[in-house]
C-alpha atoms as a PDB file:
ATOM      1  CA  MET A   1     -45.855  -5.733 115.534  1.00  0.00           C
ATOM      2  CA  ARG A   2     -48.364  -6.115 112.773  1.00  0.00           C
ATOM      3  CA  TRP A   3     -47.667  -2.552 111.423  1.00  0.00           C
ATOM      4  CA  LEU A   4     -44.216  -3.388 111.183  1.00  0.00           C
ATOM      5  CA  SER A   5     -44.894  -6.690 109.369  1.00  0.00           C
ATOM      6  CA  GLU A   6     -47.051  -4.748 106.861  1.00  0.00           C
ATOM      7  CA  GLY A   7     -44.579  -1.897 106.465  1.00  0.00           C
ATOM      8  CA  LEU A   8     -41.991  -4.198 105.414  1.00  0.00           C
ATOM      9  CA  ARG A   9     -44.079  -5.780 102.741  1.00  0.00           C
ATOM     10  CA  SER A  10     -45.040  -2.491 101.360  1.00  0.00           C
ATOM     11  CA  SER A  11     -41.249  -1.830 101.138  1.00  0.00           C
ATOM     12  CA  ARG A  12     -40.591  -4.697  99.486  1.00  0.00           C
ATOM     13  CA  ARG A  13     -43.208  -4.267  96.908  1.00  0.00           C
ATOM     14  CA  THR A  14     -42.044  -0.657  96.525  1.00  0.00           C
ATOM     15  CA  LEU A  15     -38.412  -2.121  95.837  1.00  0.00           C
ATOM     16  CA  TRP A  16     -39.638  -4.535  93.424  1.00  0.00           C
ATOM     17  CA  ILE A  17     -41.680  -2.329  91.437  1.00  0.00           C
ATOM     18  CA  THR A  18     -38.655   0.195  91.254  1.00  0.00           C
ATOM     19  CA  THR A  19     -36.294  -2.613  90.402  1.00  0.00           C
ATOM     20  CA  VAL A  20     -38.597  -3.631  87.578  1.00  0.00           C
ATOM     21  CA  PHE A  21     -39.073  -0.183  86.427  1.00  0.00           C
ATOM     22  CA  LEU A  22     -35.392   0.654  86.125  1.00  0.00           C
ATOM     23  CA  ILE A  23     -34.704  -2.583  84.196  1.00  0.00           C
ATOM     24  CA  ALA A  24     -37.344  -1.785  81.890  1.00  0.00           C
ATOM     25  CA  VAL A  25     -35.628   1.772  81.397  1.00  0.00           C
ATOM     26  CA  VAL A  26     -32.437   0.183  80.744  1.00  0.00           C
ATOM     27  CA  VAL A  27     -33.612  -2.361  78.539  1.00  0.00           C
ATOM     28  CA  THR A  28     -35.647   0.118  76.471  1.00  0.00           C
ATOM     29  CA  GLY A  29     -32.693   2.369  76.443  1.00  0.00           C
ATOM     30  CA  THR A  30     -30.360  -0.182  75.199  1.00  0.00           C
ATOM     31  CA  ALA A  31     -32.874  -1.181  72.500  1.00  0.00           C
ATOM     32  CA  VAL A  32     -33.149   2.321  71.281  1.00  0.00           C
ATOM     33  CA  TRP A  33     -29.495   2.682  71.351  1.00  0.00           C
ATOM     34  CA  TRP A  34     -28.797  -0.494  69.550  1.00  0.00           C
ATOM     35  CA  PHE A  35     -31.572  -0.472  66.724  1.00  0.00           C
ATOM     36  CA  LEU A  36     -32.039   3.466  66.157  1.00  0.00           C
ATOM     37  CA  TRP A  37     -28.670   5.144  66.893  1.00  0.00           C
ATOM     38  CA  VAL A  38     -25.869   2.557  66.180  1.00  0.00           C
ATOM     39  CA  PRO A  39     -26.893   1.920  62.645  1.00  0.00           C
ATOM     40  CA  ASN A  40     -26.784   5.302  61.672  1.00  0.00           C
ATOM     41  CA  VAL A  41     -23.446   6.214  63.758  1.00  0.00           C
ATOM     42  CA  ARG A  42     -20.465   7.443  61.638  1.00  0.00           C
ATOM     43  CA  PRO A  43     -17.257   8.168  62.883  1.00  0.00           C
ATOM     44  CA  SER A  44     -15.341  11.545  61.964  1.00  0.00           C
ATOM     45  CA  LEU A  45     -12.925  10.739  59.136  1.00  0.00           C
ATOM     46  CA  ARG A  46      -9.284  11.480  59.231  1.00  0.00           C
ATOM     47  CA  ALA A  47      -7.193  12.721  56.203  1.00  0.00           C
ATOM     48  CA  GLY A  48      -7.016   9.927  53.626  1.00  0.00           C
ATOM     49  CA  GLU A  49     -10.031   7.868  54.939  1.00  0.00           C
ATOM     50  CA  VAL A  50     -13.330   7.240  53.225  1.00  0.00           C
ATOM     51  CA  PHE A  51     -16.450   4.945  53.964  1.00  0.00           C
ATOM     52  CA  GLY A  52     -16.977   1.758  52.365  1.00  0.00           C
ATOM     53  CA  VAL A  53     -19.291  -1.167  52.283  1.00  0.00           C
ATOM     54  CA  ASP A  54     -18.862  -4.786  51.475  1.00  0.00           C
ATOM     55  CA  VAL A  55     -21.973  -6.852  50.119  1.00  0.00           C
ATOM     56  CA  SER A  56     -22.687 -10.346  48.861  1.00  0.00           C
ATOM     57  CA  ASN A  57     -25.870 -12.040  47.649  1.00  0.00           C
ATOM     58  CA  HIS A  58     -27.056 -11.635  51.258  1.00  0.00           C
ATOM     59  CA  GLN A  59     -27.847  -7.986  50.778  1.00  0.00           C
ATOM     60  CA  GLY A  60     -30.459  -8.773  47.773  1.00  0.00           C
ATOM     61  CA  GLY A  61     -30.687  -6.385  45.192  1.00  0.00           C
ATOM     62  CA  ILE A  62     -28.785  -2.980  45.618  1.00  0.00           C
ATOM     63  CA  ASN A  63     -29.345   0.413  44.197  1.00  0.00           C
ATOM     64  CA  TRP A  64     -25.786   1.342  43.696  1.00  0.00           C
ATOM     65  CA  ASP A  65     -26.732   5.020  42.537  1.00  0.00           C
ATOM     66  CA  ALA A  66     -28.312   5.452  46.125  1.00  0.00           C
ATOM     67  CA  ILE A  67     -25.118   3.965  47.687  1.00  0.00           C
ATOM     68  CA  ALA A  68     -22.817   6.367  45.888  1.00  0.00           C
ATOM     69  CA  SER A  69     -25.122   9.339  47.074  1.00  0.00           C
ATOM     70  CA  ASP A  70     -24.964   8.161  50.618  1.00  0.00           C
ATOM     71  CA  ASP A  71     -21.000   9.304  51.089  1.00  0.00           C
ATOM     72  CA  ILE A  72     -19.972   5.848  50.259  1.00  0.00           C
ATOM     73  CA  ASP A  73     -16.411   5.757  48.071  1.00  0.00           C
ATOM     74  CA  PHE A  74     -15.816   2.261  47.896  1.00  0.00           C
ATOM     75  CA  ALA A  75     -17.269  -1.231  47.932  1.00  0.00           C
ATOM     76  CA  TYR A  76     -15.919  -5.015  48.487  1.00  0.00           C
ATOM     77  CA  ILE A  77     -18.038  -7.463  46.763  1.00  0.00           C
ATOM     78  CA  LYS A  78     -17.952 -11.216  47.595  1.00  0.00           C
ATOM     79  CA  ALA A  79     -16.902 -13.307  44.430  1.00  0.00           C
ATOM     80  CA  SER A  80     -16.634 -16.909  45.852  1.00  0.00           C
ATOM     81  CA  GLU A  81     -16.520 -19.218  48.641  1.00  0.00           C
ATOM     82  CA  GLY A  82     -14.474 -22.541  48.867  1.00  0.00           C
ATOM     83  CA  GLY A  83     -13.831 -24.430  45.888  1.00  0.00           C
ATOM     84  CA  ASP A  84     -17.045 -24.021  43.888  1.00  0.00           C
ATOM     85  CA  LEU A  85     -19.463 -21.455  45.445  1.00  0.00           C
ATOM     86  CA  THR A  86     -19.821 -18.376  43.207  1.00  0.00           C
ATOM     87  CA  ASP A  87     -21.833 -15.406  44.649  1.00  0.00           C
ATOM     88  CA  ARG A  88     -24.714 -15.150  42.445  1.00  0.00           C
ATOM     89  CA  ARG A  89     -24.961 -11.432  42.465  1.00  0.00           C
ATOM     90  CA  PHE A  90     -21.319 -11.094  41.927  1.00  0.00           C
ATOM     91  CA  GLU A  91     -21.371  -9.905  38.380  1.00  0.00           C
ATOM     92  CA  THR A  92     -24.398  -7.581  38.888  1.00  0.00           C
ATOM     93  CA  ASN A  93     -22.773  -5.881  41.703  1.00  0.00           C
ATOM     94  CA  TRP A  94     -19.567  -5.653  40.506  1.00  0.00           C
ATOM     95  CA  ALA A  95     -21.184  -3.829  37.443  1.00  0.00           C
ATOM     96  CA  GLY A  96     -23.013  -1.780  39.366  1.00  0.00           C
ATOM     97  CA  ALA A  97     -20.338  -0.360  41.393  1.00  0.00           C
ATOM     98  CA  ALA A  98     -18.195   0.538  38.413  1.00  0.00           C
ATOM     99  CA  ARG A  99     -21.209   2.230  36.773  1.00  0.00           C
ATOM    100  CA  VAL A 100     -21.442   4.578  39.610  1.00  0.00           C
ATOM    101  CA  GLY A 101     -17.744   5.345  40.008  1.00  0.00           C
ATOM    102  CA  LEU A 102     -17.127   3.605  43.312  1.00  0.00           C
ATOM    103  CA  LYS A 103     -13.785   2.016  44.093  1.00  0.00           C
ATOM    104  CA  ARG A 104     -14.314  -1.700  44.129  1.00  0.00           C
ATOM    105  CA  GLY A 105     -12.683  -4.735  45.263  1.00  0.00           C
ATOM    106  CA  THR A 106     -13.451  -8.261  45.559  1.00  0.00           C
ATOM    107  CA  TYR A 107     -13.004 -11.191  48.156  1.00  0.00           C
ATOM    108  CA  HIS A 108     -13.307 -14.930  48.665  1.00  0.00           C
ATOM    109  CA  PHE A 109     -14.488 -16.591  51.653  1.00  0.00           C
ATOM    110  CA  PHE A 110     -11.826 -18.939  52.641  1.00  0.00           C
ATOM    111  CA  THR A 111     -13.115 -22.528  53.929  1.00  0.00           C
ATOM    112  CA  LEU A 112     -11.470 -24.902  55.933  1.00  0.00           C
ATOM    113  CA  CYS A 113     -12.498 -28.051  53.989  1.00  0.00           C
ATOM    114  CA  ARG A 114     -10.951 -27.411  50.693  1.00  0.00           C
ATOM    115  CA  PRO A 115      -7.347 -27.208  49.675  1.00  0.00           C
ATOM    116  CA  GLY A 116      -6.077 -23.480  49.132  1.00  0.00           C
ATOM    117  CA  ASN A 117      -4.934 -24.068  45.533  1.00  0.00           C
ATOM    118  CA  GLU A 118      -8.547 -25.247  44.677  1.00  0.00           C
ATOM    119  CA  GLN A 119      -9.962 -22.227  46.278  1.00  0.00           C
ATOM    120  CA  ALA A 120      -7.459 -19.830  44.671  1.00  0.00           C
ATOM    121  CA  ALA A 121      -8.236 -21.538  41.246  1.00  0.00           C
ATOM    122  CA  HIS A 122     -11.822 -20.865  41.671  1.00  0.00           C
ATOM    123  CA  PHE A 123     -11.663 -17.535  42.878  1.00  0.00           C
ATOM    124  CA  LEU A 124      -9.325 -16.339  39.904  1.00  0.00           C
ATOM    125  CA  ARG A 125     -12.107 -17.839  37.437  1.00  0.00           C
ATOM    126  CA  VAL A 126     -14.774 -15.935  39.135  1.00  0.00           C
ATOM    127  CA  ALA A 127     -12.552 -12.623  39.558  1.00  0.00           C
ATOM    128  CA  PRO A 128      -9.508 -12.398  37.331  1.00  0.00           C
ATOM    129  CA  PRO A 129      -6.897 -10.059  37.730  1.00  0.00           C
ATOM    130  CA  ASP A 130      -7.729  -6.209  37.247  1.00  0.00           C
ATOM    131  CA  ASP A 131      -5.325  -3.542  37.369  1.00  0.00           C
ATOM    132  CA  ALA A 132      -8.098  -1.030  37.955  1.00  0.00           C
ATOM    133  CA  ALA A 133      -9.630  -2.553  40.851  1.00  0.00           C
ATOM    134  CA  LEU A 134      -8.837  -2.464  44.681  1.00  0.00           C
ATOM    135  CA  PRO A 135      -6.426  -5.386  46.058  1.00  0.00           C
ATOM    136  CA  PRO A 136      -8.279  -8.497  46.163  1.00  0.00           C
ATOM    137  CA  ALA A 137      -9.218  -9.908  49.894  1.00  0.00           C
ATOM    138  CA  VAL A 138      -9.728 -13.213  51.724  1.00  0.00           C
ATOM    139  CA  ASP A 139     -12.357 -13.379  54.300  1.00  0.00           C
ATOM    140  CA  LEU A 140     -10.892 -15.367  57.094  1.00  0.00           C
ATOM    141  CA  GLU A 141     -13.583 -16.224  59.935  1.00  0.00           C
ATOM    142  CA  LEU A 142     -14.867 -19.450  61.667  1.00  0.00           C
ATOM    143  CA  ALA A 143     -18.370 -18.427  61.745  1.00  0.00           C
ATOM    144  CA  GLY A 144     -20.200 -19.897  58.931  1.00  0.00           C
ATOM    145  CA  ASN A 145     -17.005 -22.060  58.023  1.00  0.00           C
ATOM    146  CA  CYS A 146     -16.699 -25.952  58.107  1.00  0.00           C
ATOM    147  CA  ALA A 147     -17.593 -27.976  61.287  1.00  0.00           C
ATOM    148  CA  GLY A 148     -13.920 -29.417  61.054  1.00  0.00           C
ATOM    149  CA  ARG A 149     -10.899 -27.541  62.648  1.00  0.00           C
ATOM    150  CA  PRO A 150      -7.823 -28.730  61.051  1.00  0.00           C
ATOM    151  CA  GLY A 151      -4.424 -28.295  62.596  1.00  0.00           C
ATOM    152  CA  THR A 152      -2.689 -25.033  62.602  1.00  0.00           C
ATOM    153  CA  ARG A 153       0.324 -26.148  60.289  1.00  0.00           C
ATOM    154  CA  ASP A 154      -2.217 -27.375  57.831  1.00  0.00           C
ATOM    155  CA  VAL A 155      -4.431 -24.264  57.904  1.00  0.00           C
ATOM    156  CA  TYR A 156      -1.282 -22.259  57.397  1.00  0.00           C
ATOM    157  CA  ARG A 157      -0.122 -24.465  54.554  1.00  0.00           C
ATOM    158  CA  GLN A 158      -3.578 -24.297  52.709  1.00  0.00           C
ATOM    159  CA  LEU A 159      -3.997 -20.419  53.176  1.00  0.00           C
ATOM    160  CA  ASP A 160      -0.290 -19.720  52.069  1.00  0.00           C
ATOM    161  CA  ASP A 161      -1.103 -21.770  48.881  1.00  0.00           C
ATOM    162  CA  PHE A 162      -4.295 -19.722  48.299  1.00  0.00           C
ATOM    163  CA  LEU A 163      -2.111 -16.307  48.920  1.00  0.00           C
ATOM    164  CA  LYS A 164       0.701 -17.187  46.662  1.00  0.00           C
ATOM    165  CA  MET A 165      -1.600 -18.240  43.800  1.00  0.00           C
ATOM    166  CA  VAL A 166      -3.874 -15.117  43.837  1.00  0.00           C
ATOM    167  CA  GLU A 167      -0.945 -12.756  44.570  1.00  0.00           C
ATOM    168  CA  GLU A 168       1.109 -14.101  41.471  1.00  0.00           C
ATOM    169  CA  ALA A 169      -1.997 -13.750  39.448  1.00  0.00           C
ATOM    170  CA  TRP A 170      -2.983 -10.188  40.548  1.00  0.00           C
ATOM    171  CA  ASN A 171       0.423  -9.062  40.973  1.00  0.00           C
ATOM    172  CA  ARG A 172      -0.277  -7.501  44.314  1.00  0.00           C
ATOM    173  CA  PRO A 173      -0.396  -8.495  48.092  1.00  0.00           C
ATOM    174  CA  VAL A 174      -3.943  -9.991  49.331  1.00  0.00           C
ATOM    175  CA  LEU A 175      -5.693  -7.799  51.958  1.00  0.00           C
ATOM    176  CA  LEU A 176      -6.535 -10.065  54.777  1.00  0.00           C
ATOM    177  CA  TYR A 177      -9.998  -9.660  56.705  1.00  0.00           C
ATOM    178  CA  VAL A 178      -9.313 -11.482  59.964  1.00  0.00           C
ATOM    179  CA  GLY A 179     -12.221 -12.115  62.356  1.00  0.00           C
ATOM    180  CA  ASP A 180     -11.788 -12.402  65.992  1.00  0.00           C
ATOM    181  CA  ASP A 181     -12.782 -15.802  65.918  1.00  0.00           C
ATOM    182  CA  TRP A 182     -10.053 -16.803  63.514  1.00  0.00           C
ATOM    183  CA  GLU A 183      -7.351 -15.071  64.988  1.00  0.00           C
ATOM    184  CA  ALA A 184      -7.799 -16.752  68.265  1.00  0.00           C
ATOM    185  CA  ARG A 185      -7.625 -20.223  66.825  1.00  0.00           C
ATOM    186  CA  TYR A 186      -5.218 -19.539  63.813  1.00  0.00           C
ATOM    187  CA  PRO A 187      -3.252 -16.511  64.180  1.00  0.00           C
ATOM    188  CA  VAL A 188      -2.320 -14.798  61.179  1.00  0.00           C
ATOM    189  CA  LEU A 189      -1.811 -11.157  61.794  1.00  0.00           C
ATOM    190  CA  ASN A 190       1.834 -11.228  62.919  1.00  0.00           C
ATOM    191  CA  ARG A 191       2.708 -13.698  60.110  1.00  0.00           C
ATOM    192  CA  SER A 192       3.124 -11.196  57.331  1.00  0.00           C
ATOM    193  CA  ASP A 193       3.194  -7.501  56.515  1.00  0.00           C
ATOM    194  CA  ARG A 194      -0.044  -7.773  54.311  1.00  0.00           C
ATOM    195  CA  PRO A 195      -2.611  -5.211  54.534  1.00  0.00           C
ATOM    196  CA  ARG A 196      -5.178  -5.631  57.433  1.00  0.00           C
ATOM    197  CA  TRP A 197      -8.904  -5.441  57.204  1.00  0.00           C
ATOM    198  CA  LEU A 198      -9.937  -5.614  61.136  1.00  0.00           C
ATOM    199  CA  VAL A 199     -13.092  -5.543  62.913  1.00  0.00           C
ATOM    200  CA  SER A 200     -13.766  -3.240  66.011  1.00  0.00           C
ATOM    201  CA  PHE A 201     -16.973  -2.346  67.011  1.00  0.00           C
ATOM    202  CA  PHE A 202     -15.708  -0.067  70.080  1.00  0.00           C
ATOM    203  CA  GLY A 203     -13.371   2.425  68.499  1.00  0.00           C
ATOM    204  CA  ARG A 204     -10.440   2.347  66.005  1.00  0.00           C
ATOM    205  CA  PRO A 205      -8.403  -0.700  65.887  1.00  0.00           C
ATOM    206  CA  GLY A 206      -5.424  -0.963  68.218  1.00  0.00           C
ATOM    207  CA  ARG A 207      -3.098  -2.201  65.568  1.00  0.00           C
ATOM    208  CA  ASP A 208      -2.248  -1.255  62.055  1.00  0.00           C
ATOM    209  CA  TRP A 209      -5.172  -1.553  59.547  1.00  0.00           C
ATOM    210  CA  THR A 210      -6.123  -0.714  56.032  1.00  0.00           C
ATOM    211  CA  ILE A 211      -9.876  -1.065  56.492  1.00  0.00           C
ATOM    212  CA  TRP A 212     -11.817  -0.789  59.629  1.00  0.00           C
ATOM    213  CA  GLN A 213     -15.195  -2.556  59.777  1.00  0.00           C
ATOM    214  CA  LEU A 214     -17.182  -0.636  62.465  1.00  0.00           C
ATOM    215  CA  HIS A 215     -20.131  -3.058  62.428  1.00  0.00           C
ATOM    216  CA  GLY A 216     -22.380  -5.221  60.431  1.00  0.00           C
ATOM    217  CA  PHE A 217     -25.616  -3.610  60.737  1.00  0.00           C
ATOM    218  CA  ALA A 218     -25.202  -0.247  59.493  1.00  0.00           C
ATOM    219  CA  ARG A 219     -28.251   1.776  57.693  1.00  0.00           C
ATOM    220  CA  VAL A 220     -27.005   2.665  53.876  1.00  0.00           C
ATOM    221  CA  ASP A 221     -29.038   4.156  51.430  1.00  0.00           C
ATOM    222  CA  GLY A 222     -29.511   1.770  48.523  1.00  0.00           C
ATOM    223  CA  VAL A 223     -29.187  -1.395  50.706  1.00  0.00           C
ATOM    224  CA  ASP A 224     -32.720  -2.872  52.104  1.00  0.00           C
ATOM    225  CA  GLY A 225     -31.789  -4.087  55.493  1.00  0.00           C
ATOM    226  CA  ARG A 226     -28.377  -3.879  57.138  1.00  0.00           C
ATOM    227  CA  VAL A 227     -25.020  -3.881  55.958  1.00  0.00           C
ATOM    228  CA  ASP A 228     -21.246  -3.759  56.804  1.00  0.00           C
ATOM    229  CA  LEU A 229     -19.778  -0.376  57.275  1.00  0.00           C
ATOM    230  CA  ASN A 230     -15.863   0.275  56.710  1.00  0.00           C
ATOM    231  CA  VAL A 231     -13.361   2.924  56.812  1.00  0.00           C
ATOM    232  CA  GLY A 232     -10.875   2.673  54.447  1.00  0.00           C
ATOM    233  CA  GLN A 233      -7.318   4.508  54.338  1.00  0.00           C
ATOM    234  CA  LEU A 234      -7.274   5.642  50.902  1.00  0.00           C
ATOM    235  CA  ASP A 235      -3.352   5.590  50.477  1.00  0.00           C
ATOM    236  CA  LYS A 236      -3.243   2.012  51.662  1.00  0.00           C
ATOM    237  CA  LEU A 237      -6.276   0.999  49.397  1.00  0.00           C
ATOM    238  CA  ARG A 238      -4.292   1.938  46.537  1.00  0.00           C
ATOM    239  CA  VAL A 239      -1.794  -0.694  46.625  1.00  0.00           C
ATOM    240  CA  ALA A 240       0.129  -0.724  43.440  1.00  0.00           C
ATOM    241  CA  PRO A 241       1.065  -4.019  41.694  1.00  0.00           C
ATOM    242  CA  ARG A 242       4.474  -5.411  43.103  1.00  0.00           C
END
């Protein structure tokens, strides 16, 4: 039976080598897909849709001429966070987007550790109303937020205070950027008919949206590194003052 035992060992070695080879092929193929293909993919646009980016200090210096030449029509630019943090590249990015003729909007990262009215007051100091701009947006995510998790009613109350102050100042509804983590903990999408900015990495969102974020690691000319790529519905982006 020695020949049988040696044959079994040989079969096991062959199976092990084959398995390792197949795993390596899958891992390599996935890496190529993730790092080379996905950052460059852009879906076909439908009538009234345009591509856009959202940027902050994290993107570093930006070549806005190059962005505008890369089929990008709009940009949302971070202005502020919480009650006292101002994005240090906001003014530079705001002016740069305007200079190259992009439609531009601004957003505030809403934190769970400061009252909503304090955050609204800070946002309005940094980004006062601008009738020529796109509607202001509020970024609702738990990732990167405060460690504490207040009760749902308290979060709704603070968020409502923020929205009321900003909407009264800007005279238009605020665009809600809603992360999946936020929606799971503090559902907001069904609380109002405000325009929505939704994240969906695997196809168009399954509910009504104004802006759709495809992913956060796109390659766009003018940005050194990855950036969020969005699709905006042009008619909804042009939300007129109320």
